[in-house]
PDB file of all heavy atoms in Angstrom:
ATOM      1  N   VAL A   1       0.829  -1.204   0.000  1.00  0.00           N
ATOM      2  CA  VAL A   1       0.000   0.000   0.000  1.00  0.00           C
ATOM      3  C   VAL A   1       0.865   1.256   0.000  1.00  0.00           C
ATOM      4  O   VAL A   1       2.028   1.234   0.407  1.00  0.00           O
ATOM      5  CB  VAL A   1      -0.927   0.058   1.243  1.00  0.00           C
ATOM      6  CG1 VAL A   1      -1.819  -1.176   1.328  1.00  0.00           C
ATOM      7  CG2 VAL A   1      -0.123   0.221   2.540  1.00  0.00           C
ATOM      8  N   PHE A   2       0.266   2.352  -0.466  1.00  0.00           N
ATOM      9  CA  PHE A   2       0.766   3.685  -0.179  1.00  0.00           C
ATOM     10  C   PHE A   2       0.076   4.157   1.094  1.00  0.00           C
ATOM     11  O   PHE A   2      -1.048   3.736   1.407  1.00  0.00           O
ATOM     12  CB  PHE A   2       0.438   4.657  -1.311  1.00  0.00           C
ATOM     13  CG  PHE A   2       1.214   4.444  -2.570  1.00  0.00           C
ATOM     14  CD1 PHE A   2       0.671   3.727  -3.625  1.00  0.00           C
ATOM     15  CD2 PHE A   2       2.504   4.962  -2.713  1.00  0.00           C
ATOM     16  CE1 PHE A   2       1.388   3.521  -4.793  1.00  0.00           C
ATOM     17  CE2 PHE A   2       3.232   4.766  -3.880  1.00  0.00           C
ATOM     18  CZ  PHE A   2       2.665   4.041  -4.918  1.00  0.00           C
ATOM     19  N   CYS A   3       0.712   5.058   1.824  1.00  0.00           N
ATOM     20  CA  CYS A   3       0.079   5.622   3.018  1.00  0.00           C
ATOM     21  C   CYS A   3       0.517   7.069   3.184  1.00  0.00           C
ATOM     22  O   CYS A   3       1.705   7.387   3.083  1.00  0.00           O
ATOM     23  CB  CYS A   3       0.447   4.818   4.263  1.00  0.00           C
ATOM     24  SG  CYS A   3      -0.425   5.352   5.757  1.00  0.00           S
ATOM     25  N   GLY A   4      -0.446   7.938   3.430  1.00  0.00           N
ATOM     26  CA  GLY A   4      -0.170   9.353   3.652  1.00  0.00           C
ATOM     27  C   GLY A   4      -1.401  10.009   4.255  1.00  0.00           C
ATOM     28  O   GLY A   4      -2.291   9.327   4.769  1.00  0.00           O
ATOM     29  N   THR A   5      -1.463  11.305   4.190  1.00  0.00           N
ATOM     30  CA  THR A   5      -2.627  12.028   4.690  1.00  0.00           C
ATOM     31  C   THR A   5      -3.648  12.204   3.574  1.00  0.00           C
ATOM     32  O   THR A   5      -3.391  11.910   2.406  1.00  0.00           O
ATOM     33  CB  THR A   5      -2.211  13.409   5.220  1.00  0.00           C
ATOM     34  OG1 THR A   5      -1.698  14.180   4.119  1.00  0.00           O
ATOM     35  CG2 THR A   5      -1.145  13.298   6.302  1.00  0.00           C
ATOM     36  N   GLU A   6      -4.799  12.697   3.941  1.00  0.00           N
ATOM     37  CA  GLU A   6      -5.826  12.996   2.940  1.00  0.00           C
ATOM     38  C   GLU A   6      -5.319  14.031   1.938  1.00  0.00           C
ATOM     39  O   GLU A   6      -5.621  13.967   0.742  1.00  0.00           O
ATOM     40  CB  GLU A   6      -7.084  13.519   3.642  1.00  0.00           C
ATOM     41  CG  GLU A   6      -8.312  13.626   2.756  1.00  0.00           C
ATOM     42  CD  GLU A   6      -9.082  12.322   2.653  1.00  0.00           C
ATOM     43  OE1 GLU A   6      -9.001  11.505   3.588  1.00  0.00           O
ATOM     44  OE2 GLU A   6      -9.763  12.135   1.639  1.00  0.00           O
ATOM     45  N   VAL A   7      -4.527  14.979   2.432  1.00  0.00           N
ATOM     46  CA  VAL A   7      -3.987  16.027   1.557  1.00  0.00           C
ATOM     47  C   VAL A   7      -3.016  15.429   0.543  1.00  0.00           C
ATOM     48  O   VAL A   7      -3.049  15.750  -0.643  1.00  0.00           O
ATOM     49  CB  VAL A   7      -3.295  17.131   2.384  1.00  0.00           C
ATOM     50  CG1 VAL A   7      -2.536  18.094   1.478  1.00  0.00           C
ATOM     51  CG2 VAL A   7      -4.322  17.890   3.217  1.00  0.00           C
ATOM     52  N   SER A   8      -2.147  14.535   0.986  1.00  0.00           N
ATOM     53  CA  SER A   8      -1.183  13.942   0.055  1.00  0.00           C
ATOM     54  C   SER A   8      -1.892  13.069  -0.979  1.00  0.00           C
ATOM     55  O   SER A   8      -1.475  13.014  -2.149  1.00  0.00           O
ATOM     56  CB  SER A   8      -0.120  13.135   0.806  1.00  0.00           C
ATOM     57  OG  SER A   8      -0.660  11.978   1.405  1.00  0.00           O
ATOM     58  N   TYR A   9      -2.972  12.395  -0.570  1.00  0.00           N
ATOM     59  CA  TYR A   9      -3.751  11.609  -1.534  1.00  0.00           C
ATOM     60  C   TYR A   9      -4.398  12.522  -2.573  1.00  0.00           C
ATOM     61  O   TYR A   9      -4.371  12.236  -3.777  1.00  0.00           O
ATOM     62  CB  TYR A   9      -4.824  10.804  -0.800  1.00  0.00           C
ATOM     63  CG  TYR A   9      -5.817  10.136  -1.724  1.00  0.00           C
ATOM     64  CD1 TYR A   9      -5.433   9.059  -2.518  1.00  0.00           C
ATOM     65  CD2 TYR A   9      -7.131  10.591  -1.813  1.00  0.00           C
ATOM     66  CE1 TYR A   9      -6.344   8.458  -3.374  1.00  0.00           C
ATOM     67  CE2 TYR A   9      -8.037   9.992  -2.671  1.00  0.00           C
ATOM     68  CZ  TYR A   9      -7.646   8.920  -3.448  1.00  0.00           C
ATOM     69  OH  TYR A   9      -8.546   8.320  -4.301  1.00  0.00           O
ATOM     70  N   GLN A  10      -4.963  13.629  -2.105  1.00  0.00           N
ATOM     71  CA  GLN A  10      -5.598  14.580  -3.031  1.00  0.00           C
ATOM     72  C   GLN A  10      -4.573  15.112  -4.034  1.00  0.00           C
ATOM     73  O   GLN A  10      -4.856  15.219  -5.234  1.00  0.00           O
ATOM     74  CB  GLN A  10      -6.232  15.727  -2.244  1.00  0.00           C
ATOM     75  CG  GLN A  10      -6.895  16.800  -3.107  1.00  0.00           C
ATOM     76  CD  GLN A  10      -5.960  17.962  -3.409  1.00  0.00           C
ATOM     77  OE1 GLN A  10      -5.164  18.356  -2.559  1.00  0.00           O
ATOM     78  NE2 GLN A  10      -6.043  18.500  -4.612  1.00  0.00           N
ATOM     79  N   ARG A  11      -3.372  15.403  -3.552  1.00  0.00           N
ATOM     80  CA  ARG A  11      -2.333  15.915  -4.448  1.00  0.00           C
ATOM     81  C   ARG A  11      -1.902  14.858  -5.458  1.00  0.00           C
ATOM     82  O   ARG A  11      -1.614  15.177  -6.622  1.00  0.00           O
ATOM     83  CB  ARG A  11      -1.140  16.392  -3.625  1.00  0.00           C
ATOM     84  CG  ARG A  11      -1.420  17.682  -2.849  1.00  0.00           C
ATOM     85  CD  ARG A  11      -0.319  17.975  -1.864  1.00  0.00           C
ATOM     86  NE  ARG A  11      -0.516  19.270  -1.221  1.00  0.00           N
ATOM     87  CZ  ARG A  11       0.108  19.664  -0.110  1.00  0.00           C
ATOM     88  NH1 ARG A  11       0.987  18.845   0.477  1.00  0.00           N
ATOM     89  NH2 ARG A  11      -0.130  20.850   0.407  1.00  0.00           N
ATOM     90  N   ALA A  12      -1.842  13.604  -5.039  1.00  0.00           N
ATOM     91  CA  ALA A  12      -1.474  12.540  -5.965  1.00  0.00           C
ATOM     92  C   ALA A  12      -2.525  12.387  -7.060  1.00  0.00           C
ATOM     93  O   ALA A  12      -2.193  12.243  -8.248  1.00  0.00           O
ATOM     94  CB  ALA A  12      -1.305  11.218  -5.210  1.00  0.00           C
ATOM     95  N   MET A  13      -3.794  12.428  -6.680  1.00  0.00           N
ATOM     96  CA  MET A  13      -4.869  12.266  -7.654  1.00  0.00           C
ATOM     97  C   MET A  13      -4.985  13.481  -8.570  1.00  0.00           C
ATOM     98  O   MET A  13      -5.584  13.396  -9.646  1.00  0.00           O
ATOM     99  CB  MET A  13      -6.193  12.015  -6.929  1.00  0.00           C
ATOM    100  CG  MET A  13      -6.238  10.699  -6.170  1.00  0.00           C
ATOM    101  SD  MET A  13      -6.058   9.251  -7.242  1.00  0.00           S
ATOM    102  CE  MET A  13      -7.614   9.299  -8.139  1.00  0.00           C
ATOM    103  N   ALA A  14      -4.438  14.612  -8.144  1.00  0.00           N
ATOM    104  CA  ALA A  14      -4.546  15.844  -8.924  1.00  0.00           C
ATOM    105  C   ALA A  14      -3.367  16.054  -9.878  1.00  0.00           C
ATOM    106  O   ALA A  14      -3.292  17.093 -10.536  1.00  0.00           O
ATOM    107  CB  ALA A  14      -4.664  17.045  -7.981  1.00  0.00           C
ATOM    108  N   ILE A  15      -2.453  15.089  -9.973  1.00  0.00           N
ATOM    109  CA  ILE A  15      -1.333  15.242 -10.910  1.00  0.00           C
ATOM    110  C   ILE A  15      -1.897  15.358 -12.323  1.00  0.00           C
ATOM    111  O   ILE A  15      -2.630  14.477 -12.784  1.00  0.00           O
ATOM    112  CB  ILE A  15      -0.373  14.037 -10.816  1.00  0.00           C
ATOM    113  CG1 ILE A  15       0.270  13.968  -9.422  1.00  0.00           C
ATOM    114  CG2 ILE A  15       0.712  14.139 -11.882  1.00  0.00           C
ATOM    115  CD1 ILE A  15       1.119  12.734  -9.194  1.00  0.00           C
ATOM    116  N   PRO A  16      -1.586  16.446 -13.035  1.00  0.00           N
ATOM    117  CA  PRO A  16      -2.172  16.657 -14.367  1.00  0.00           C
ATOM    118  C   PRO A  16      -1.444  15.863 -15.453  1.00  0.00           C
ATOM    119  O   PRO A  16      -0.311  15.407 -15.267  1.00  0.00           O
ATOM    120  CB  PRO A  16      -2.005  18.162 -14.570  1.00  0.00           C
ATOM    121  CG  PRO A  16      -0.757  18.488 -13.819  1.00  0.00           C
ATOM    122  CD  PRO A  16      -0.739  17.576 -12.619  1.00  0.00           C
ATOM    123  N   VAL A  17      -2.114  15.746 -16.573  1.00  0.00           N
ATOM    124  CA  VAL A  17      -1.491  15.096 -17.728  1.00  0.00           C
ATOM    125  C   VAL A  17      -0.259  15.876 -18.175  1.00  0.00           C
ATOM    126  O   VAL A  17       0.772  15.304 -18.540  1.00  0.00           O
ATOM    127  CB  VAL A  17      -2.506  14.958 -18.873  1.00  0.00           C
ATOM    128  CG1 VAL A  17      -1.821  14.455 -20.151  1.00  0.00           C
ATOM    129  CG2 VAL A  17      -3.631  14.004 -18.466  1.00  0.00           C
ATOM    130  N   GLY A  18      -0.339  17.198 -18.155  1.00  0.00           N
ATOM    131  CA  GLY A  18       0.784  18.035 -18.546  1.00  0.00           C
ATOM    132  C   GLY A  18       0.595  19.448 -18.072  1.00  0.00           C
ATOM    133  O   GLY A  18      -0.461  19.806 -17.519  1.00  0.00           O
ATOM    134  N   THR A  19       1.607  20.282 -18.261  1.00  0.00           N
ATOM    135  CA  THR A  19       1.524  21.661 -17.784  1.00  0.00           C
ATOM    136  C   THR A  19       0.412  22.444 -18.464  1.00  0.00           C
ATOM    137  O   THR A  19      -0.133  23.378 -17.893  1.00  0.00           O
ATOM    138  CB  THR A  19       2.872  22.372 -18.019  1.00  0.00           C
ATOM    139  OG1 THR A  19       3.221  22.274 -19.400  1.00  0.00           O
ATOM    140  CG2 THR A  19       3.963  21.735 -17.162  1.00  0.00           C
ATOM    141  N   SER A  20       0.069  22.074 -19.674  1.00  0.00           N
ATOM    142  CA  SER A  20      -1.012  22.770 -20.388  1.00  0.00           C
ATOM    143  C   SER A  20      -2.244  21.891 -20.566  1.00  0.00           C
ATOM    144  O   SER A  20      -3.130  22.218 -21.353  1.00  0.00           O
ATOM    145  CB  SER A  20      -0.508  23.238 -21.763  1.00  0.00           C
ATOM    146  OG  SER A  20      -0.063  22.134 -22.534  1.00  0.00           O
ATOM    147  N   ASP A  21      -2.285  20.780 -19.845  1.00  0.00           N
ATOM    148  CA  ASP A  21      -3.420  19.847 -19.934  1.00  0.00           C
ATOM    149  C   ASP A  21      -3.883  19.539 -18.519  1.00  0.00           C
ATOM    150  O   ASP A  21      -3.227  18.800 -17.785  1.00  0.00           O
ATOM    151  CB  ASP A  21      -3.001  18.572 -20.651  1.00  0.00           C
ATOM    152  CG  ASP A  21      -4.192  17.659 -20.976  1.00  0.00           C
ATOM    153  OD1 ASP A  21      -5.259  17.831 -20.349  1.00  0.00           O
ATOM    154  OD2 ASP A  21      -4.038  16.792 -21.854  1.00  0.00           O
ATOM    155  N   ALA A  22      -5.004  20.108 -18.112  1.00  0.00           N
ATOM    156  CA  ALA A  22      -5.479  19.994 -16.731  1.00  0.00           C
ATOM    157  C   ALA A  22      -6.164  18.669 -16.432  1.00  0.00           C
ATOM    158  O   ALA A  22      -6.553  18.421 -15.289  1.00  0.00           O
ATOM    159  CB  ALA A  22      -6.439  21.144 -16.408  1.00  0.00           C
ATOM    160  N   ARG A  23      -6.321  17.795 -17.429  1.00  0.00           N
ATOM    161  CA  ARG A  23      -6.893  16.491 -17.144  1.00  0.00           C
ATOM    162  C   ARG A  23      -6.010  15.737 -16.146  1.00  0.00           C
ATOM    163  O   ARG A  23      -4.796  15.878 -16.148  1.00  0.00           O
ATOM    164  CB  ARG A  23      -7.045  15.681 -18.433  1.00  0.00           C
ATOM    165  CG  ARG A  23      -8.114  16.183 -19.385  1.00  0.00           C
ATOM    166  CD  ARG A  23      -8.119  15.351 -20.650  1.00  0.00           C
ATOM    167  NE  ARG A  23      -6.817  15.414 -21.334  1.00  0.00           N
ATOM    168  CZ  ARG A  23      -6.466  14.567 -22.294  1.00  0.00           C
ATOM    169  NH1 ARG A  23      -7.274  13.595 -22.677  1.00  0.00           N
ATOM    170  NH2 ARG A  23      -5.273  14.702 -22.880  1.00  0.00           N
ATOM    171  N   ARG A  24      -6.660  14.924 -15.312  1.00  0.00           N
ATOM    172  CA  ARG A  24      -5.918  14.211 -14.281  1.00  0.00           C
ATOM    173  C   ARG A  24      -5.292  12.945 -14.854  1.00  0.00           C
ATOM    174  O   ARG A  24      -5.943  12.171 -15.559  1.00  0.00           O
ATOM    175  CB  ARG A  24      -6.829  13.854 -13.106  1.00  0.00           C
ATOM    176  CG  ARG A  24      -7.262  15.004 -12.187  1.00  0.00           C
ATOM    177  CD  ARG A  24      -6.536  16.276 -12.395  1.00  0.00           C
ATOM    178  NE  ARG A  24      -6.753  17.271 -11.353  1.00  0.00           N
ATOM    179  CZ  ARG A  24      -6.420  18.530 -11.470  1.00  0.00           C
ATOM    180  NH1 ARG A  24      -5.874  18.977 -12.597  1.00  0.00           N
ATOM    181  NH2 ARG A  24      -6.614  19.374 -10.476  1.00  0.00           N
ATOM    182  N   LEU A  25      -4.033  12.716 -14.503  1.00  0.00           N
ATOM    183  CA  LEU A  25      -3.272  11.607 -15.066  1.00  0.00           C
ATOM    184  C   LEU A  25      -3.900  10.264 -14.707  1.00  0.00           C
ATOM    185  O   LEU A  25      -3.926   9.350 -15.532  1.00  0.00           O
ATOM    186  CB  LEU A  25      -1.830  11.670 -14.566  1.00  0.00           C
ATOM    187  CG  LEU A  25      -0.840  10.696 -15.184  1.00  0.00           C
ATOM    188  CD1 LEU A  25      -0.713  10.950 -16.684  1.00  0.00           C
ATOM    189  CD2 LEU A  25       0.527  10.834 -14.523  1.00  0.00           C
ATOM    190  N   TYR A  26      -4.396  10.156 -13.473  1.00  0.00           N
ATOM    191  CA  TYR A  26      -4.957   8.878 -13.035  1.00  0.00           C
ATOM    192  C   TYR A  26      -6.472   8.864 -13.134  1.00  0.00           C
ATOM    193  O   TYR A  26      -7.158   8.326 -12.272  1.00  0.00           O
ATOM    194  CB  TYR A  26      -4.475   8.534 -11.618  1.00  0.00           C
ATOM    195  CG  TYR A  26      -3.171   7.799 -11.683  1.00  0.00           C
ATOM    196  CD1 TYR A  26      -1.973   8.495 -11.763  1.00  0.00           C
ATOM    197  CD2 TYR A  26      -3.127   6.419 -11.747  1.00  0.00           C
ATOM    198  CE1 TYR A  26      -0.770   7.825 -11.872  1.00  0.00           C
ATOM    199  CE2 TYR A  26      -1.929   5.740 -11.864  1.00  0.00           C
ATOM    200  CZ  TYR A  26      -0.749   6.445 -11.924  1.00  0.00           C
ATOM    201  OH  TYR A  26       0.433   5.774 -12.046  1.00  0.00           O
TER     202      TYR A  26
END
């Protein structure tokens, strides 16, 4: 498993496809 806080999970899920593409990578 990964383990972190709710904030770190939110940041992981918010990783974008690219700097000019706001779609989420995952």
